Amino acid sequence: MKYWLASIVLIVISVLFLQQGMDLWKLGTDVDGDGIGIHFLGFEINDSVQEANIPSYATGFFIAAGLSFVLMLVVVSRKIFKMSRAG
């Protein structure tokens, strides 16, 4: 049960990372003023990101989404492997 719960949590986190990355990518460097503040799940990542650095933050969120998705695959594969050995 805990493997499946962990997998669901990791999928949700992956989707949230991906969504934040896509929002930042769409925004690009088209912002008013000097920069923007970046928040994720209520936490402030950076309060003043310069326009030129926004795509690198988007890339970071894409990488984090990929890593959490791969971690979810590892958790699921371990569970499947344990189930196949026990059966």
N, C-alpha and C. Protein backbone atom coordinates (compact mmCIF):
# COMPACT_ATOMS: atom_id res chain seq x y z
N MET A 1 0.82 -1.20 0.00
CA MET A 1 0.00 0.00 0.00
C MET A 1 0.86 1.27 0.00
N LYS A 2 1.95 1.25 0.79
CA LYS A 2 2.78 2.44 0.87
C LYS A 2 3.50 2.73 -0.45
N TYR A 3 3.80 1.68 -1.22
CA TYR A 3 4.44 1.90 -2.52
C TYR A 3 3.50 2.64 -3.47
N TRP A 4 2.24 2.23 -3.47
CA TRP A 4 1.28 2.87 -4.37
C TRP A 4 1.00 4.30 -3.94
N LEU A 5 0.93 4.54 -2.64
CA LEU A 5 0.73 5.90 -2.14
C LEU A 5 1.92 6.79 -2.51
N ALA A 6 3.12 6.25 -2.33
CA ALA A 6 4.32 7.01 -2.70
C ALA A 6 4.33 7.29 -4.20
N SER A 7 3.89 6.33 -5.00
CA SER A 7 3.85 6.53 -6.45
C SER A 7 2.87 7.63 -6.83
N ILE A 8 1.71 7.64 -6.19
CA ILE A 8 0.71 8.67 -6.49
C ILE A 8 1.23 10.04 -6.10
N VAL A 9 1.86 10.14 -4.94
CA VAL A 9 2.43 11.42 -4.50
C VAL A 9 3.50 11.89 -5.47
N LEU A 10 4.36 10.99 -5.92
CA LEU A 10 5.41 11.37 -6.86
C LEU A 10 4.84 11.78 -8.21
N ILE A 11 3.78 11.15 -8.65
CA ILE A 11 3.15 11.56 -9.91
C ILE A 11 2.58 12.96 -9.78
N VAL A 12 1.91 13.23 -8.66
CA VAL A 12 1.34 14.56 -8.44
C VAL A 12 2.43 15.62 -8.41
N ILE A 13 3.53 15.33 -7.71
CA ILE A 13 4.64 16.28 -7.64
C ILE A 13 5.24 16.49 -9.03
N SER A 14 5.38 15.42 -9.80
CA SER A 14 5.91 15.54 -11.16
C SER A 14 5.03 16.45 -12.02
N VAL A 15 3.72 16.27 -11.92
CA VAL A 15 2.79 17.09 -12.70
C VAL A 15 2.88 18.55 -12.27
N LEU A 16 2.99 18.79 -10.97
CA LEU A 16 3.09 20.17 -10.48
C LEU A 16 4.39 20.84 -10.94
N PHE A 17 5.50 20.09 -10.87
CA PHE A 17 6.77 20.62 -11.39
C PHE A 17 6.66 20.93 -12.88
N LEU A 18 6.06 20.02 -13.62
CA LEU A 18 5.91 20.22 -15.06
C LEU A 18 5.04 21.43 -15.36
N GLN A 19 3.95 21.58 -14.62
CA GLN A 19 3.06 22.72 -14.82
C GLN A 19 3.77 24.03 -14.53
N GLN A 20 4.53 24.09 -13.45
CA GLN A 20 5.26 25.31 -13.11
C GLN A 20 6.30 25.62 -14.19
N GLY A 21 6.99 24.60 -14.67
CA GLY A 21 7.97 24.80 -15.73
C GLY A 21 7.32 25.31 -17.01
N MET A 22 6.16 24.76 -17.36
CA MET A 22 5.47 25.21 -18.56
C MET A 22 4.98 26.65 -18.42
N ASP A 23 4.48 27.00 -17.21
CA ASP A 23 4.04 28.37 -16.98
C ASP A 23 5.21 29.35 -17.14
N LEU A 24 6.36 28.99 -16.58
CA LEU A 24 7.52 29.86 -16.70
C LEU A 24 8.01 29.91 -18.15
N TRP A 25 7.96 28.79 -18.85
CA TRP A 25 8.41 28.75 -20.24
C TRP A 25 7.53 29.63 -21.13
N LYS A 26 6.19 29.55 -20.88
CA LYS A 26 5.26 30.39 -21.64
C LYS A 26 5.52 31.86 -21.35
N LEU A 27 5.80 32.17 -20.10
CA LEU A 27 6.06 33.55 -19.71
C LEU A 27 7.33 34.06 -20.39
N GLY A 28 8.33 33.21 -20.46
CA GLY A 28 9.58 33.57 -21.10
C GLY A 28 10.19 34.82 -20.49
N THR A 29 10.56 35.74 -21.34
CA THR A 29 11.16 36.98 -20.86
C THR A 29 10.21 38.15 -21.05
N ASP A 30 8.94 37.85 -21.23
CA ASP A 30 7.94 38.89 -21.45
C ASP A 30 7.26 39.25 -20.12
N VAL A 31 7.97 40.00 -19.28
CA VAL A 31 7.44 40.40 -17.98
C VAL A 31 7.50 41.91 -17.85
N ASP A 32 6.65 42.42 -16.99
CA ASP A 32 6.67 43.85 -16.70
C ASP A 32 7.67 44.11 -15.58
N GLY A 33 8.44 45.14 -15.72
CA GLY A 33 9.40 45.48 -14.68
C GLY A 33 10.71 44.74 -14.84
N ASP A 34 11.44 44.63 -13.74
CA ASP A 34 12.77 44.03 -13.77
C ASP A 34 12.77 42.50 -13.76
N GLY A 35 11.77 41.91 -13.13
CA GLY A 35 11.74 40.46 -13.04
C GLY A 35 10.49 39.99 -12.34
N ILE A 36 10.51 38.73 -11.90
CA ILE A 36 9.34 38.14 -11.24
C ILE A 36 9.78 37.38 -10.00
N GLY A 37 8.82 37.07 -9.16
CA GLY A 37 9.05 36.18 -8.04
C GLY A 37 8.54 34.80 -8.40
N ILE A 38 9.25 33.77 -8.00
CA ILE A 38 8.87 32.40 -8.31
C ILE A 38 8.50 31.69 -7.02
N HIS A 39 7.29 31.12 -7.00
CA HIS A 39 6.77 30.38 -5.86
C HIS A 39 6.37 28.99 -6.31
N PHE A 40 6.58 28.01 -5.42
CA PHE A 40 6.15 26.64 -5.71
C PHE A 40 5.58 26.03 -4.45
N LEU A 41 4.34 25.58 -4.52
CA LEU A 41 3.61 24.98 -3.39
C LEU A 41 3.63 25.87 -2.16
N GLY A 42 3.49 27.15 -2.38
CA GLY A 42 3.44 28.10 -1.28
C GLY A 42 4.79 28.55 -0.76
N PHE A 43 5.86 27.99 -1.28
CA PHE A 43 7.20 28.37 -0.85
C PHE A 43 7.81 29.32 -1.88
N GLU A 44 8.48 30.34 -1.38
CA GLU A 44 9.12 31.29 -2.26
C GLU A 44 10.48 30.75 -2.67
N ILE A 45 10.66 30.52 -3.97
CA ILE A 45 11.93 30.03 -4.48
C ILE A 45 12.90 31.19 -4.62
N ASN A 46 12.45 32.25 -5.26
CA ASN A 46 13.26 33.45 -5.43
C ASN A 46 12.30 34.62 -5.62
N ASP A 47 12.56 35.72 -4.95
CA ASP A 47 11.62 36.83 -5.02
C ASP A 47 11.94 37.82 -6.13
N SER A 48 13.10 37.70 -6.75
CA SER A 48 13.46 38.64 -7.81
C SER A 48 14.31 37.93 -8.86
N VAL A 49 13.65 37.27 -9.79
CA VAL A 49 14.36 36.58 -10.87
C VAL A 49 14.41 37.52 -12.07
N GLN A 50 15.59 37.78 -12.56
CA GLN A 50 15.76 38.63 -13.72
C GLN A 50 15.17 37.96 -14.96
N GLU A 51 14.75 38.77 -15.91
CA GLU A 51 14.11 38.25 -17.13
C GLU A 51 14.96 37.21 -17.83
N ALA A 52 16.24 37.43 -17.90
CA ALA A 52 17.13 36.53 -18.63
C ALA A 52 17.25 35.17 -17.96
N ASN A 53 16.97 35.08 -16.67
CA ASN A 53 17.12 33.82 -15.93
C ASN A 53 15.85 32.99 -15.86
N ILE A 54 14.73 33.51 -16.33
CA ILE A 54 13.46 32.78 -16.24
C ILE A 54 13.51 31.46 -17.01
N PRO A 55 14.06 31.40 -18.23
CA PRO A 55 14.12 30.09 -18.92
C PRO A 55 14.96 29.05 -18.17
N SER A 56 16.00 29.47 -17.46
CA SER A 56 16.79 28.49 -16.71
C SER A 56 16.01 27.94 -15.52
N TYR A 57 15.17 28.75 -14.90
CA TYR A 57 14.29 28.26 -13.84
C TYR A 57 13.27 27.29 -14.42
N ALA A 58 12.73 27.58 -15.60
CA ALA A 58 11.78 26.67 -16.25
C ALA A 58 12.46 25.33 -16.53
N THR A 59 13.68 25.36 -17.02
CA THR A 59 14.43 24.14 -17.29
C THR A 59 14.66 23.35 -16.00
N GLY A 60 14.94 24.05 -14.92
CA GLY A 60 15.11 23.39 -13.63
C GLY A 60 13.85 22.68 -13.17
N PHE A 61 12.70 23.30 -13.39
CA PHE A 61 11.44 22.66 -13.04
C PHE A 61 11.18 21.45 -13.93
N PHE A 62 11.55 21.51 -15.22
CA PHE A 62 11.40 20.36 -16.11
C PHE A 62 12.28 19.20 -15.64
N ILE A 63 13.50 19.51 -15.24
CA ILE A 63 14.42 18.48 -14.76
C ILE A 63 13.89 17.86 -13.48
N ALA A 64 13.38 18.67 -12.57
CA ALA A 64 12.81 18.16 -11.32
C ALA A 64 11.61 17.26 -11.59
N ALA A 65 10.79 17.62 -12.58
CA ALA A 65 9.65 16.78 -12.96
C ALA A 65 10.13 15.43 -13.48
N GLY A 66 11.15 15.46 -14.31
CA GLY A 66 11.70 14.21 -14.84
C GLY A 66 12.29 13.33 -13.77
N LEU A 67 13.02 13.93 -12.83
CA LEU A 67 13.63 13.15 -11.75
C LEU A 67 12.58 12.52 -10.84
N SER A 68 11.55 13.28 -10.51
CA SER A 68 10.51 12.71 -9.64
C SER A 68 9.72 11.62 -10.38
N PHE A 69 9.57 11.76 -11.69
CA PHE A 69 8.89 10.71 -12.47
C PHE A 69 9.74 9.45 -12.51
N VAL A 70 11.04 9.59 -12.70
CA VAL A 70 11.93 8.43 -12.71
C VAL A 70 11.93 7.75 -11.34
N LEU A 71 11.92 8.54 -10.28
CA LEU A 71 11.86 7.98 -8.95
C LEU A 71 10.57 7.18 -8.75
N MET A 72 9.46 7.69 -9.29
CA MET A 72 8.19 6.97 -9.23
C MET A 72 8.31 5.64 -9.97
N LEU A 73 8.96 5.63 -11.13
CA LEU A 73 9.14 4.39 -11.88
C LEU A 73 9.97 3.38 -11.10
N VAL A 74 10.97 3.86 -10.38
CA VAL A 74 11.80 2.97 -9.55
C VAL A 74 10.96 2.35 -8.44
N VAL A 75 10.15 3.15 -7.79
CA VAL A 75 9.30 2.65 -6.70
C VAL A 75 8.33 1.60 -7.23
N VAL A 76 7.70 1.88 -8.35
CA VAL A 76 6.74 0.93 -8.92
C VAL A 76 7.44 -0.35 -9.37
N SER A 77 8.60 -0.22 -10.00
CA SER A 77 9.30 -1.41 -10.47
C SER A 77 9.77 -2.28 -9.30
N ARG A 78 10.17 -1.66 -8.20
CA ARG A 78 10.54 -2.45 -7.01
C ARG A 78 9.34 -3.22 -6.48
N LYS A 79 8.19 -2.59 -6.46
CA LYS A 79 6.98 -3.26 -5.98
C LYS A 79 6.61 -4.42 -6.90
N ILE A 80 6.68 -4.19 -8.19
CA ILE A 80 6.35 -5.26 -9.15
C ILE A 80 7.35 -6.41 -9.04
N PHE A 81 8.63 -6.07 -8.86
CA PHE A 81 9.65 -7.10 -8.71
C PHE A 81 9.42 -7.94 -7.45
N LYS A 82 9.07 -7.27 -6.35
CA LYS A 82 8.79 -8.00 -5.11
C LYS A 82 7.56 -8.89 -5.25
N MET A 83 6.55 -8.39 -5.96
CA MET A 83 5.33 -9.18 -6.16
C MET A 83 5.62 -10.40 -7.02
N SER A 84 6.46 -10.27 -8.04
CA SER A 84 6.77 -11.39 -8.93
C SER A 84 7.63 -12.43 -8.23
N ARG A 85 8.52 -12.00 -7.32
CA ARG A 85 9.33 -12.95 -6.57
C ARG A 85 8.51 -13.72 -5.55
N ALA A 86 7.53 -13.05 -4.95
CA ALA A 86 6.71 -13.70 -3.92
C ALA A 86 5.72 -14.69 -4.54
N GLY A 87 5.34 -14.45 -5.77
CA GLY A 87 4.28 -15.26 -6.41
C GLY A 87 4.81 -16.47 -7.01
